[in-house]
Amino acid sequence: MLYWENVCRNQYCEELPVIAIDLAGKAALVTGGGQGLGAATATALARAGANAVINFFDDPEGINRKRAEQTAQAIGPRAVALQADVRNLRQVKTMIDQIMERFGRLDIVVNNAGIVRDSTLKKLAPEDWQTVIDTNLTGVYNVSKAAAQVLADGGRIINLASISAVVGFFGQSNYAASKAGVMGLTRVLSRELARRQITVNAVAPGVVPTEMGKTIPEEVQAKMLESIPLGRFGQPDEIAGAVLFLASDLARYVTGQTLHVNGGWWG
């Protein structure tokens, strides 16, 4: 359980209660949760009391499985790593069934799984276009579709978008298109699921020095920093904090929104 203590010492806030983010007893799924933003998010949700399901894609080398299991082990007994390729609806449905068998409920879904295959349009191979769209956008559709069937009333769906969707970085036509699609899908789902008091929002990070962020050339990173008023890139826990807010009761009247977390770069 995480608390924000009332430190005010004047007459206007003496009667205000302590505000708590308490996710105890809830089950949260984080796709692509074995590393980077996903691991930070799963950890933050677990610290607030949630049971954390860390999804991973089972690559031939077993790297993703190892990372997901290590993240689950670091979090503790309330965390579990489950395999599913988010591009495959059948696998996603099987994962959702496993979550229901283990925890009996699903309250929070964080669609974090994503990849990059950067290239200019002239050089962009059709398979690199399709793979990014299938993972970053269709994956959100697949997980949201399967999860919505069992998601508790009053639940949360939080999708990871990107500043790339609004800025349009050079060489990221596939990635920017996929993340812009995520933002549009977020708005539609927020309306479709509102009758069940399920909120659907997106978080759009700026550049974060995860493995994905580190693929950006150093000279490009230097240029980007000039555009960020806070003068630095974000950290995984800072993005996870925004997701935690949207997953909590503090954000129960927030839906259909994209929260830009980028140090003032855009928004």
C-alpha atoms as a PDB file:
ATOM      1  CA  MET A   1       0.000   0.000   0.000  1.00  0.00           C
ATOM      2  CA  LEU A   2       1.351   3.419  -0.943  1.00  0.00           C
ATOM      3  CA  TYR A   3       0.414   6.545   1.009  1.00  0.00           C
ATOM      4  CA  TRP A   4       0.546  10.258   0.345  1.00  0.00           C
ATOM      5  CA  GLU A   5       0.541  11.786   3.851  1.00  0.00           C
ATOM      6  CA  ASN A   6      -1.182  15.063   4.558  1.00  0.00           C
ATOM      7  CA  VAL A   7       1.689  17.341   5.554  1.00  0.00           C
ATOM      8  CA  CYS A   8      -0.339  20.537   5.544  1.00  0.00           C
ATOM      9  CA  ARG A   9      -0.353  22.393   8.830  1.00  0.00           C
ATOM     10  CA  ASN A  10      -3.132  24.941   8.447  1.00  0.00           C
ATOM     11  CA  GLN A  11      -6.847  25.053   9.171  1.00  0.00           C
ATOM     12  CA  TYR A  12      -7.889  24.288   5.595  1.00  0.00           C
ATOM     13  CA  CYS A  13      -6.502  20.782   5.512  1.00  0.00           C
ATOM     14  CA  GLU A  14      -6.602  19.587   9.095  1.00  0.00           C
ATOM     15  CA  GLU A  15      -9.645  17.421   8.349  1.00  0.00           C
ATOM     16  CA  LEU A  16      -8.445  16.018   5.026  1.00  0.00           C
ATOM     17  CA  PRO A  17      -7.879  12.260   5.114  1.00  0.00           C
ATOM     18  CA  VAL A  18      -4.717  10.460   4.150  1.00  0.00           C
ATOM     19  CA  ILE A  19      -4.965   9.458   0.485  1.00  0.00           C
ATOM     20  CA  ALA A  20      -3.910   5.887  -0.198  1.00  0.00           C
ATOM     21  CA  ILE A  21      -3.321   3.855  -3.317  1.00  0.00           C
ATOM     22  CA  ASP A  22      -4.415   0.429  -2.187  1.00  0.00           C
ATOM     23  CA  LEU A  23      -4.675  -2.321  -4.798  1.00  0.00           C
ATOM     24  CA  ALA A  24      -4.740  -5.160  -2.291  1.00  0.00           C
ATOM     25  CA  GLY A  25      -6.640  -8.202  -3.544  1.00  0.00           C
ATOM     26  CA  LYS A  26      -6.676  -7.010  -7.133  1.00  0.00           C
ATOM     27  CA  ALA A  27      -5.032  -8.778 -10.068  1.00  0.00           C
ATOM     28  CA  ALA A  28      -3.042  -6.812 -12.631  1.00  0.00           C
ATOM     29  CA  LEU A  29      -1.749  -7.995 -16.001  1.00  0.00           C
ATOM     30  CA  VAL A  30       1.242  -6.245 -17.558  1.00  0.00           C
ATOM     31  CA  THR A  31       2.103  -7.357 -21.083  1.00  0.00           C
ATOM     32  CA  GLY A  32       5.779  -7.319 -21.964  1.00  0.00           C
ATOM     33  CA  GLY A  33       6.396  -7.088 -18.250  1.00  0.00           C
ATOM     34  CA  GLY A  34       9.784  -8.700 -17.955  1.00  0.00           C
ATOM     35  CA  GLN A  35      11.964  -5.642 -18.493  1.00  0.00           C
ATOM     36  CA  GLY A  36      12.038  -1.865 -18.857  1.00  0.00           C
ATOM     37  CA  LEU A  37       8.765  -0.031 -18.416  1.00  0.00           C
ATOM     38  CA  GLY A  38       6.851  -3.273 -18.023  1.00  0.00           C
ATOM     39  CA  ALA A  39       8.971  -4.506 -15.128  1.00  0.00           C
ATOM     40  CA  ALA A  40       8.838  -1.095 -13.425  1.00  0.00           C
ATOM     41  CA  THR A  41       5.062  -1.007 -13.812  1.00  0.00           C
ATOM     42  CA  ALA A  42       4.530  -4.548 -12.509  1.00  0.00           C
ATOM     43  CA  THR A  43       6.714  -3.721  -9.512  1.00  0.00           C
ATOM     44  CA  ALA A  44       4.812  -0.504  -8.761  1.00  0.00           C
ATOM     45  CA  LEU A  45       1.430  -2.243  -8.943  1.00  0.00           C
ATOM     46  CA  ALA A  46       2.662  -5.041  -6.691  1.00  0.00           C
ATOM     47  CA  ARG A  47       4.052  -2.553  -4.160  1.00  0.00           C
ATOM     48  CA  ALA A  48       0.559  -1.086  -3.982  1.00  0.00           C
ATOM     49  CA  GLY A  49      -0.795  -4.526  -3.103  1.00  0.00           C
ATOM     50  CA  ALA A  50      -1.847  -6.046  -6.424  1.00  0.00           C
ATOM     51  CA  ASN A  51      -1.160  -9.558  -7.625  1.00  0.00           C
ATOM     52  CA  ALA A  52       1.067  -9.032 -10.657  1.00  0.00           C
ATOM     53  CA  VAL A  53       0.892 -11.118 -13.830  1.00  0.00           C
ATOM     54  CA  ILE A  54       3.983 -10.587 -15.954  1.00  0.00           C
ATOM     55  CA  ASN A  55       3.363 -11.537 -19.557  1.00  0.00           C
ATOM     56  CA  PHE A  56       6.197 -12.421 -21.913  1.00  0.00           C
ATOM     57  CA  PHE A  57       6.702 -13.629 -25.479  1.00  0.00           C
ATOM     58  CA  ASP A  58       8.581 -16.933 -25.546  1.00  0.00           C
ATOM     59  CA  ASP A  59      11.472 -16.198 -27.919  1.00  0.00           C
ATOM     60  CA  PRO A  60      13.662 -19.096 -29.170  1.00  0.00           C
ATOM     61  CA  GLU A  61      16.611 -18.110 -26.956  1.00  0.00           C
ATOM     62  CA  GLY A  62      14.439 -18.024 -23.826  1.00  0.00           C
ATOM     63  CA  ILE A  63      15.624 -14.524 -22.933  1.00  0.00           C
ATOM     64  CA  ASN A  64      12.142 -13.084 -22.400  1.00  0.00           C
ATOM     65  CA  ARG A  65      11.088 -16.000 -20.196  1.00  0.00           C
ATOM     66  CA  LYS A  66      14.203 -15.628 -18.044  1.00  0.00           C
ATOM     67  CA  ARG A  67      13.673 -11.897 -17.607  1.00  0.00           C
ATOM     68  CA  ALA A  68       9.981 -12.300 -16.782  1.00  0.00           C
ATOM     69  CA  GLU A  69      10.659 -15.019 -14.229  1.00  0.00           C
ATOM     70  CA  GLN A  70      13.428 -12.946 -12.658  1.00  0.00           C
ATOM     71  CA  THR A  71      11.071  -9.962 -12.392  1.00  0.00           C
ATOM     72  CA  ALA A  72       8.380 -12.142 -10.823  1.00  0.00           C
ATOM     73  CA  GLN A  73      10.882 -13.597  -8.360  1.00  0.00           C
ATOM     74  CA  ALA A  74      12.101 -10.130  -7.401  1.00  0.00           C
ATOM     75  CA  ILE A  75       8.533  -8.966  -6.747  1.00  0.00           C
ATOM     76  CA  GLY A  76       7.662 -11.971  -4.604  1.00  0.00           C
ATOM     77  CA  PRO A  77       5.003 -14.663  -4.197  1.00  0.00           C
ATOM     78  CA  ARG A  78       2.148 -12.492  -5.486  1.00  0.00           C
ATOM     79  CA  ALA A  79       3.736 -12.294  -8.938  1.00  0.00           C
ATOM     80  CA  VAL A  80       3.668 -14.849 -11.735  1.00  0.00           C
ATOM     81  CA  ALA A  81       5.134 -14.931 -15.242  1.00  0.00           C
ATOM     82  CA  LEU A  82       2.826 -16.155 -18.032  1.00  0.00           C
ATOM     83  CA  GLN A  83       3.626 -16.692 -21.688  1.00  0.00           C
ATOM     84  CA  ALA A  84       1.487 -15.396 -24.554  1.00  0.00           C
ATOM     85  CA  ASP A  85       2.252 -13.777 -27.883  1.00  0.00           C
ATOM     86  CA  VAL A  86      -0.026 -10.741 -27.848  1.00  0.00           C
ATOM     87  CA  ARG A  87      -0.262 -10.995 -31.642  1.00  0.00           C
ATOM     88  CA  ASN A  88      -2.098 -14.303 -31.223  1.00  0.00           C
ATOM     89  CA  LEU A  89      -5.643 -13.987 -29.864  1.00  0.00           C
ATOM     90  CA  ARG A  90      -5.859 -17.683 -29.020  1.00  0.00           C
ATOM     91  CA  GLN A  91      -2.726 -17.506 -26.868  1.00  0.00           C
ATOM     92  CA  VAL A  92      -4.015 -14.355 -25.196  1.00  0.00           C
ATOM     93  CA  LYS A  93      -7.316 -16.038 -24.324  1.00  0.00           C
ATOM     94  CA  THR A  94      -5.427 -18.975 -22.828  1.00  0.00           C
ATOM     95  CA  MET A  95      -3.399 -16.551 -20.689  1.00  0.00           C
ATOM     96  CA  ILE A  96      -6.554 -14.810 -19.481  1.00  0.00           C
ATOM     97  CA  ASP A  97      -8.020 -18.199 -18.522  1.00  0.00           C
ATOM     98  CA  GLN A  98      -4.851 -18.967 -16.546  1.00  0.00           C
ATOM     99  CA  ILE A  99      -5.147 -15.658 -14.692  1.00  0.00           C
ATOM    100  CA  MET A 100      -8.752 -16.392 -13.760  1.00  0.00           C
ATOM    101  CA  GLU A 101      -7.839 -19.892 -12.585  1.00  0.00           C
ATOM    102  CA  ARG A 102      -5.025 -18.572 -10.406  1.00  0.00           C
ATOM    103  CA  PHE A 103      -6.519 -15.370  -8.994  1.00  0.00           C
ATOM    104  CA  GLY A 104     -10.239 -15.673  -9.718  1.00  0.00           C
ATOM    105  CA  ARG A 105     -10.371 -12.128 -11.069  1.00  0.00           C
ATOM    106  CA  LEU A 106      -8.742  -9.526 -13.291  1.00  0.00           C
ATOM    107  CA  ASP A 107      -8.931  -5.835 -12.374  1.00  0.00           C
ATOM    108  CA  ILE A 108      -6.117  -4.023 -14.184  1.00  0.00           C
ATOM    109  CA  VAL A 109      -4.690  -4.507 -17.668  1.00  0.00           C
ATOM    110  CA  VAL A 110      -1.572  -2.647 -18.776  1.00  0.00           C
ATOM    111  CA  ASN A 111      -0.912  -3.043 -22.498  1.00  0.00           C
ATOM    112  CA  ASN A 112       2.815  -2.418 -22.508  1.00  0.00           C
ATOM    113  CA  ALA A 113       4.222  -4.950 -25.006  1.00  0.00           C
ATOM    114  CA  GLY A 114       5.862  -3.195 -27.954  1.00  0.00           C
ATOM    115  CA  ILE A 115       8.728  -3.340 -30.407  1.00  0.00           C
ATOM    116  CA  VAL A 116      10.571  -1.017 -32.783  1.00  0.00           C
ATOM    117  CA  ARG A 117      11.785  -1.701 -36.311  1.00  0.00           C
ATOM    118  CA  ASP A 118      12.970   1.762 -37.341  1.00  0.00           C
ATOM    119  CA  SER A 119      13.646   2.619 -40.962  1.00  0.00           C
ATOM    120  CA  THR A 120      12.773   5.325 -43.459  1.00  0.00           C
ATOM    121  CA  LEU A 121       9.751   4.608 -45.616  1.00  0.00           C
ATOM    122  CA  LYS A 122      11.990   4.033 -48.617  1.00  0.00           C
ATOM    123  CA  LYS A 123      13.864   1.241 -46.851  1.00  0.00           C
ATOM    124  CA  LEU A 124      11.079  -0.069 -44.608  1.00  0.00           C
ATOM    125  CA  ALA A 125      10.399  -3.719 -45.401  1.00  0.00           C
ATOM    126  CA  PRO A 126       6.720  -4.764 -45.478  1.00  0.00           C
ATOM    127  CA  GLU A 127       7.364  -7.391 -42.803  1.00  0.00           C
ATOM    128  CA  ASP A 128       8.853  -4.755 -40.478  1.00  0.00           C
ATOM    129  CA  TRP A 129       5.792  -2.573 -40.981  1.00  0.00           C
ATOM    130  CA  GLN A 130       3.449  -5.465 -40.253  1.00  0.00           C
ATOM    131  CA  THR A 131       5.323  -6.859 -37.260  1.00  0.00           C
ATOM    132  CA  VAL A 132       5.264  -3.517 -35.467  1.00  0.00           C
ATOM    133  CA  ILE A 133       1.564  -2.945 -36.212  1.00  0.00           C
ATOM    134  CA  ASP A 134       0.698  -6.501 -35.160  1.00  0.00           C
ATOM    135  CA  THR A 135       2.573  -6.234 -31.857  1.00  0.00           C
ATOM    136  CA  ASN A 136       1.979  -2.645 -30.825  1.00  0.00           C
ATOM    137  CA  LEU A 137      -1.597  -2.138 -32.027  1.00  0.00           C
ATOM    138  CA  THR A 138      -3.226  -5.479 -32.771  1.00  0.00           C
ATOM    139  CA  GLY A 139      -1.697  -6.765 -29.530  1.00  0.00           C
ATOM    140  CA  VAL A 140      -3.614  -4.094 -27.609  1.00  0.00           C
ATOM    141  CA  TYR A 141      -6.807  -5.087 -29.434  1.00  0.00           C
ATOM    142  CA  ASN A 142      -6.273  -8.795 -28.681  1.00  0.00           C
ATOM    143  CA  VAL A 143      -5.540  -8.327 -24.984  1.00  0.00           C
ATOM    144  CA  SER A 144      -8.309  -5.758 -24.472  1.00  0.00           C
ATOM    145  CA  LYS A 145     -10.844  -7.930 -26.299  1.00  0.00           C
ATOM    146  CA  ALA A 146     -10.031 -11.045 -24.286  1.00  0.00           C
ATOM    147  CA  ALA A 147      -9.669  -9.226 -20.971  1.00  0.00           C
ATOM    148  CA  ALA A 148     -12.901  -7.240 -21.335  1.00  0.00           C
ATOM    149  CA  GLN A 149     -14.884 -10.475 -21.089  1.00  0.00           C
ATOM    150  CA  VAL A 150     -13.725 -11.057 -17.504  1.00  0.00           C
ATOM    151  CA  LEU A 151     -12.496  -7.664 -16.301  1.00  0.00           C
ATOM    152  CA  ALA A 152     -14.160  -6.644 -13.062  1.00  0.00           C
ATOM    153  CA  ASP A 153     -16.671  -3.808 -13.197  1.00  0.00           C
ATOM    154  CA  GLY A 154     -14.794  -0.657 -12.252  1.00  0.00           C
ATOM    155  CA  GLY A 155     -11.610  -2.126 -13.697  1.00  0.00           C
ATOM    156  CA  ARG A 156      -8.811  -0.391 -15.561  1.00  0.00           C
ATOM    157  CA  ILE A 157      -7.226  -0.704 -18.979  1.00  0.00           C
ATOM    158  CA  ILE A 158      -4.069   1.362 -19.446  1.00  0.00           C
ATOM    159  CA  ASN A 159      -2.333   1.412 -22.815  1.00  0.00           C
ATOM    160  CA  LEU A 160       1.237   2.498 -23.471  1.00  0.00           C
ATOM    161  CA  ALA A 161       1.338   5.008 -26.314  1.00  0.00           C
ATOM    162  CA  SER A 162       4.323   7.217 -27.175  1.00  0.00           C
ATOM    163  CA  ILE A 163       5.390  10.777 -27.871  1.00  0.00           C
ATOM    164  CA  SER A 164       6.312   9.422 -31.311  1.00  0.00           C
ATOM    165  CA  ALA A 165       2.600   9.283 -32.143  1.00  0.00           C
ATOM    166  CA  VAL A 166       2.284  13.066 -31.931  1.00  0.00           C
ATOM    167  CA  VAL A 167       5.772  14.243 -32.880  1.00  0.00           C
ATOM    168  CA  GLY A 168       6.433  11.750 -35.655  1.00  0.00           C
ATOM    169  CA  PHE A 169      10.123  10.954 -35.328  1.00  0.00           C
ATOM    170  CA  PHE A 170      12.137  10.413 -38.488  1.00  0.00           C
ATOM    171  CA  GLY A 171      12.268   6.738 -39.471  1.00  0.00           C
ATOM    172  CA  GLN A 172       9.382   5.670 -37.236  1.00  0.00           C
ATOM    173  CA  SER A 173       6.422   5.548 -39.594  1.00  0.00           C
ATOM    174  CA  ASN A 174       5.440   2.071 -38.404  1.00  0.00           C
ATOM    175  CA  TYR A 175       5.976   2.793 -34.703  1.00  0.00           C
ATOM    176  CA  ALA A 176       4.289   6.210 -34.774  1.00  0.00           C
ATOM    177  CA  ALA A 177       1.317   4.810 -36.691  1.00  0.00           C
ATOM    178  CA  SER A 178       0.924   1.945 -34.220  1.00  0.00           C
ATOM    179  CA  LYS A 179       1.020   4.254 -31.195  1.00  0.00           C
ATOM    180  CA  ALA A 180      -1.352   6.777 -32.782  1.00  0.00           C
ATOM    181  CA  GLY A 181      -3.691   3.841 -33.330  1.00  0.00           C
ATOM    182  CA  VAL A 182      -3.379   2.944 -29.651  1.00  0.00           C
ATOM    183  CA  MET A 183      -4.470   6.444 -28.699  1.00  0.00           C
ATOM    184  CA  GLY A 184      -7.506   6.241 -30.987  1.00  0.00           C
ATOM    185  CA  LEU A 185      -8.427   2.772 -29.741  1.00  0.00           C
ATOM    186  CA  THR A 186      -8.158   4.041 -26.172  1.00  0.00           C
ATOM    187  CA  ARG A 187     -10.767   6.734 -26.813  1.00  0.00           C
ATOM    188  CA  VAL A 188     -13.213   4.308 -28.415  1.00  0.00           C
ATOM    189  CA  LEU A 189     -12.866   1.626 -25.737  1.00  0.00           C
ATOM    190  CA  SER A 190     -13.362   4.220 -23.001  1.00  0.00           C
ATOM    191  CA  ARG A 191     -16.844   4.847 -24.407  1.00  0.00           C
ATOM    192  CA  GLU A 192     -17.710   1.218 -25.046  1.00  0.00           C
ATOM    193  CA  LEU A 193     -16.754   0.048 -21.543  1.00  0.00           C
ATOM    194  CA  ALA A 194     -17.990   3.073 -19.600  1.00  0.00           C
ATOM    195  CA  ARG A 195     -21.337   1.485 -18.741  1.00  0.00           C
ATOM    196  CA  ARG A 196     -19.401  -0.984 -16.578  1.00  0.00           C
ATOM    197  CA  GLN A 197     -17.384   1.852 -14.986  1.00  0.00           C
ATOM    198  CA  ILE A 198     -14.238   0.466 -16.607  1.00  0.00           C
ATOM    199  CA  THR A 199     -11.853   3.287 -17.431  1.00  0.00           C
ATOM    200  CA  VAL A 200      -9.531   3.140 -20.428  1.00  0.00           C
ATOM    201  CA  ASN A 201      -6.598   5.522 -20.667  1.00  0.00           C
ATOM    202  CA  ALA A 202      -3.175   5.749 -22.291  1.00  0.00           C
ATOM    203  CA  VAL A 203       0.207   6.890 -21.055  1.00  0.00           C
ATOM    204  CA  ALA A 204       2.500   8.397 -23.698  1.00  0.00           C
ATOM    205  CA  PRO A 205       6.104   8.449 -22.466  1.00  0.00           C
ATOM    206  CA  GLY A 206       8.860  10.505 -23.973  1.00  0.00           C
ATOM    207  CA  VAL A 207      12.236   8.831 -24.429  1.00  0.00           C
ATOM    208  CA  VAL A 208      13.156   6.515 -21.560  1.00  0.00           C
ATOM    209  CA  PRO A 209      16.597   4.851 -21.418  1.00  0.00           C
ATOM    210  CA  THR A 210      15.319   1.264 -21.525  1.00  0.00           C
ATOM    211  CA  GLU A 211      16.715  -1.223 -24.037  1.00  0.00           C
ATOM    212  CA  MET A 212      14.340   0.197 -26.644  1.00  0.00           C
ATOM    213  CA  GLY A 213      15.268   3.795 -25.869  1.00  0.00           C
ATOM    214  CA  LYS A 214      18.978   3.007 -26.025  1.00  0.00           C
ATOM    215  CA  THR A 215      18.668   2.105 -29.701  1.00  0.00           C
ATOM    216  CA  ILE A 216      18.475   5.828 -30.496  1.00  0.00           C
ATOM    217  CA  PRO A 217      21.878   7.118 -31.731  1.00  0.00           C
ATOM    218  CA  GLU A 218      23.717   9.331 -29.229  1.00  0.00           C
ATOM    219  CA  GLU A 219      23.737  12.344 -31.531  1.00  0.00           C
ATOM    220  CA  VAL A 220      19.962  12.065 -31.927  1.00  0.00           C
ATOM    221  CA  GLN A 221      19.534  11.755 -28.167  1.00  0.00           C
ATOM    222  CA  ALA A 222      21.550  14.931 -27.673  1.00  0.00           C
ATOM    223  CA  LYS A 223      19.294  16.785 -30.091  1.00  0.00           C
ATOM    224  CA  MET A 224      16.190  15.468 -28.338  1.00  0.00           C
ATOM    225  CA  LEU A 225      17.416  16.697 -24.962  1.00  0.00           C
ATOM    226  CA  GLU A 226      17.445  20.236 -26.312  1.00  0.00           C
ATOM    227  CA  SER A 227      13.661  19.988 -26.712  1.00  0.00           C
ATOM    228  CA  ILE A 228      12.926  18.793 -23.179  1.00  0.00           C
ATOM    229  CA  PRO A 229      12.351  21.623 -20.666  1.00  0.00           C
ATOM    230  CA  LEU A 230      13.358  19.403 -17.725  1.00  0.00           C
ATOM    231  CA  GLY A 231      16.624  18.716 -19.518  1.00  0.00           C
ATOM    232  CA  ARG A 232      16.649  14.935 -19.114  1.00  0.00           C
ATOM    233  CA  PHE A 233      14.980  11.743 -20.268  1.00  0.00           C
ATOM    234  CA  GLY A 234      12.442   9.997 -18.092  1.00  0.00           C
ATOM    235  CA  GLN A 235      13.061   6.979 -15.877  1.00  0.00           C
ATOM    236  CA  PRO A 236      10.996   3.763 -15.899  1.00  0.00           C
ATOM    237  CA  ASP A 237       9.643   4.362 -12.390  1.00  0.00           C
ATOM    238  CA  GLU A 238       8.381   7.804 -13.438  1.00  0.00           C
ATOM    239  CA  ILE A 239       6.298   6.252 -16.204  1.00  0.00           C
ATOM    240  CA  ALA A 240       5.178   3.495 -13.855  1.00  0.00           C
ATOM    241  CA  GLY A 241       3.984   6.159 -11.426  1.00  0.00           C
ATOM    242  CA  ALA A 242       1.619   7.566 -14.044  1.00  0.00           C
ATOM    243  CA  VAL A 243       0.269   4.080 -14.739  1.00  0.00           C
ATOM    244  CA  LEU A 244      -0.183   3.485 -11.004  1.00  0.00           C
ATOM    245  CA  PHE A 245      -2.219   6.681 -10.705  1.00  0.00           C
ATOM    246  CA  LEU A 246      -4.516   5.648 -13.575  1.00  0.00           C
ATOM    247  CA  ALA A 247      -4.909   2.189 -12.037  1.00  0.00           C
ATOM    248  CA  SER A 248      -5.979   3.623  -8.689  1.00  0.00           C
ATOM    249  CA  ASP A 249      -9.228   4.991  -7.338  1.00  0.00           C
ATOM    250  CA  LEU A 250      -7.690   8.459  -7.549  1.00  0.00           C
ATOM    251  CA  ALA A 251      -8.323   8.266 -11.297  1.00  0.00           C
ATOM    252  CA  ARG A 252     -11.788   6.698 -11.227  1.00  0.00           C
ATOM    253  CA  TYR A 253     -13.276   9.703 -13.097  1.00  0.00           C
ATOM    254  CA  VAL A 254     -10.506   9.837 -15.698  1.00  0.00           C
ATOM    255  CA  THR A 255     -11.167   7.948 -18.925  1.00  0.00           C
ATOM    256  CA  GLY A 256     -10.483   8.251 -22.634  1.00  0.00           C
ATOM    257  CA  GLN A 257      -7.375  10.327 -21.970  1.00  0.00           C
ATOM    258  CA  THR A 258      -3.759  10.160 -23.068  1.00  0.00           C
ATOM    259  CA  LEU A 259      -1.434  11.283 -20.282  1.00  0.00           C
ATOM    260  CA  HIS A 260       1.797  12.642 -21.743  1.00  0.00           C
ATOM    261  CA  VAL A 261       4.785  12.007 -19.482  1.00  0.00           C
ATOM    262  CA  ASN A 262       7.760  13.579 -21.235  1.00  0.00           C
ATOM    263  CA  GLY A 263       9.353  16.292 -19.121  1.00  0.00           C
ATOM    264  CA  GLY A 264       7.449  19.044 -20.931  1.00  0.00           C
ATOM    265  CA  TRP A 265       8.629  18.002 -24.406  1.00  0.00           C
ATOM    266  CA  TRP A 266       5.076  17.888 -25.787  1.00  0.00           C
ATOM    267  CA  GLY A 267       1.603  18.198 -24.400  1.00  0.00           C
END
